[in-house]
Protein backbone atom coordinates (compact mmCIF):
# COMPACT_ATOMS: atom_id res chain seq x y z
CA UNK A 1 6.18 149.85 108.45
CA UNK A 2 4.46 153.13 106.91
CA UNK A 3 4.76 156.52 108.67
CA UNK A 4 4.07 159.85 107.92
CA UNK A 5 7.18 162.07 108.23
CA UNK A 6 7.65 164.73 110.98
CA UNK A 7 8.53 168.37 109.30
CA UNK A 8 11.91 167.97 108.69
CA UNK A 9 12.48 164.56 108.87
CA UNK A 10 14.85 163.24 106.11
CA UNK A 11 14.66 159.62 104.45
CA UNK A 12 18.11 159.08 106.23
CA UNK A 13 16.95 160.36 109.57
CA UNK A 14 14.12 158.34 109.25
CA UNK A 15 16.25 154.88 108.77
CA UNK A 16 18.83 156.00 111.55
CA UNK A 17 16.47 156.24 114.07
CA UNK A 18 16.11 152.50 114.51
CA UNK A 19 19.70 152.09 114.30
CA UNK A 20 19.98 154.53 117.35
CA UNK A 21 18.03 152.24 119.10
CA UNK A 22 20.45 149.43 119.41
CA UNK A 23 24.25 149.78 120.19
CA UNK A 24 24.91 148.39 116.55
CA UNK A 25 27.48 148.57 114.18
CA UNK A 26 25.84 150.64 111.02
CA UNK A 27 27.04 150.10 107.58
CA UNK A 28 25.34 151.12 104.20
CA UNK A 29 23.95 147.89 102.41
CA UNK A 30 24.71 148.72 98.76
CA UNK A 31 23.84 145.22 97.49
CA UNK A 32 20.21 145.36 98.53
CA UNK A 33 17.52 145.72 95.75
CA UNK A 34 15.28 149.51 95.96
CA UNK A 35 11.83 148.91 94.95
CA UNK A 36 11.56 152.71 94.24
CA UNK A 37 13.68 155.24 92.96
CA UNK A 38 15.73 155.79 96.34
CA UNK A 39 16.42 154.09 99.21
CA UNK A 40 18.39 154.04 102.47
CA UNK A 41 19.62 150.42 102.98
CA UNK A 42 21.58 149.44 106.13
CA UNK A 43 23.27 146.66 107.63
CA UNK A 44 23.32 146.48 111.53
CA UNK A 45 25.41 144.26 113.23
CA UNK A 46 24.11 144.40 117.19
CA UNK A 47 26.23 142.03 119.20
CA UNK A 48 24.58 142.30 122.45
CA UNK A 49 21.33 141.21 120.61
CA UNK A 50 20.69 137.22 120.45
CA UNK A 51 24.11 136.53 122.05
CA UNK A 52 23.91 132.82 122.20
CA UNK A 53 23.27 133.01 118.68
CA UNK A 54 26.27 134.76 117.64
CA UNK A 55 24.58 138.37 117.94
CA UNK A 56 22.08 140.33 115.70
CA UNK A 57 22.01 140.58 112.16
CA UNK A 58 19.41 143.32 110.77
CA UNK A 59 18.93 144.49 107.33
CA UNK A 60 17.34 147.48 106.87
CA UNK A 61 15.49 149.28 103.68
CA UNK A 62 13.52 152.49 103.83
CA UNK A 63 11.69 154.29 101.10
CA UNK A 64 9.60 157.17 100.40
CA UNK A 65 6.44 157.81 98.31
CA UNK A 66 4.26 160.84 97.52
CA UNK A 67 0.56 159.92 97.59
CA UNK A 68 -0.32 158.73 94.32
CA UNK A 69 -2.79 160.67 92.11
CA UNK A 70 -4.86 157.96 92.30
CA UNK A 71 -5.03 155.68 95.48
CA UNK A 72 -4.19 152.02 94.82
CA UNK A 73 -4.52 149.58 97.70
CA UNK A 74 -6.22 150.14 101.26
CA UNK A 75 -4.43 150.29 104.26
CA UNK A 76 -7.59 150.42 106.42
CA UNK A 77 -10.92 148.72 105.89
CA UNK A 78 -14.00 150.45 106.99
CA UNK A 79 -16.17 148.68 109.59
CA UNK A 80 -19.99 149.14 109.88
CA UNK A 81 -21.77 149.30 113.52
CA UNK A 82 -21.94 145.63 115.14
CA UNK A 83 -25.04 143.65 114.35
CA UNK A 84 -27.12 141.80 117.41
CA UNK A 85 -28.15 138.26 117.03
CA UNK A 86 -31.71 137.84 115.90
CA UNK A 87 -32.29 141.47 115.17
CA UNK A 88 -34.60 141.47 111.66
CA UNK A 89 -34.80 144.14 108.73
CA UNK A 90 -32.07 147.08 108.36
CA UNK A 91 -30.32 148.14 111.51
CA UNK A 92 -28.20 150.82 110.35
CA UNK A 93 -27.62 152.78 106.69
CA UNK A 94 -23.99 151.30 105.41
CA UNK A 95 -22.53 153.53 102.83
CA UNK A 96 -20.08 152.05 100.20
CA UNK A 97 -16.68 151.50 101.47
CA UNK A 98 -14.25 153.85 99.96
CA UNK A 99 -10.49 153.05 100.07
CA UNK A 100 -7.83 155.63 100.53
CA UNK A 101 -4.61 155.77 100.90
CA UNK A 102 -3.17 157.47 104.13
CA UNK A 103 -2.84 161.12 102.47
CA UNK A 104 0.70 162.83 102.26
CA UNK A 105 4.31 161.52 101.77
CA UNK A 106 4.99 158.42 103.52
CA UNK A 107 8.20 156.99 104.69
CA UNK A 108 8.24 152.85 104.68
CA UNK A 109 10.57 150.55 106.62
CA UNK A 110 11.13 147.16 105.48
CA UNK A 111 13.34 145.15 108.03
CA UNK A 112 15.14 141.47 108.48
CA UNK A 113 15.31 140.70 111.84
CA UNK A 114 18.21 138.02 112.13
CA UNK A 115 20.95 136.60 113.91
CA UNK A 116 24.59 135.46 113.15
CA UNK A 117 23.76 131.84 112.44
CA UNK A 118 21.21 131.95 110.00
CA UNK A 119 21.74 135.32 108.72
CA UNK A 120 23.35 133.97 105.45
CA UNK A 121 20.62 131.46 104.74
CA UNK A 122 17.89 134.28 105.58
CA UNK A 123 19.54 137.23 103.53
CA UNK A 124 18.62 135.76 99.96
CA UNK A 125 14.84 135.32 100.99
CA UNK A 126 14.99 138.86 102.12
CA UNK A 127 16.38 140.01 98.46
CA UNK A 128 13.92 138.47 96.69
CA UNK A 129 11.07 139.69 99.06
CA UNK A 130 12.24 143.15 98.23
CA UNK A 131 12.73 142.48 94.19
CA UNK A 132 8.61 141.46 94.41
CA UNK A 133 7.51 144.46 96.08
CA UNK A 134 5.49 146.64 94.05
CA UNK A 135 4.78 150.19 95.78
CA UNK A 136 2.14 152.18 94.02
């Protein structure tokens, strides 16, 4: 998830806002890798989520990035007007696509939603995913 922060919202506020939505025991997850300089990493244990599987266990990593000087990967793809079947010749002038990142600072959230039964086998894959992230 990517979101432009509200005016006074800190990265910690952003991460904690997801913990507030659950009746969770919240701990800092010091062992999770961070794909940028600074992250807020949380380990949420939610007993009333997935009760038949031992409760919910969520790992959450939040980080922020300022807008890069030169945009990298696109979040959106421009689309032209719809074409009708059987039309001949040019219907509309289409400009070249111009990919740009959403302007300004963005907060990102990467989350693993798991339960107690599969948490131990799911966490290594999540850690490898975090290690593989390239954030521009």
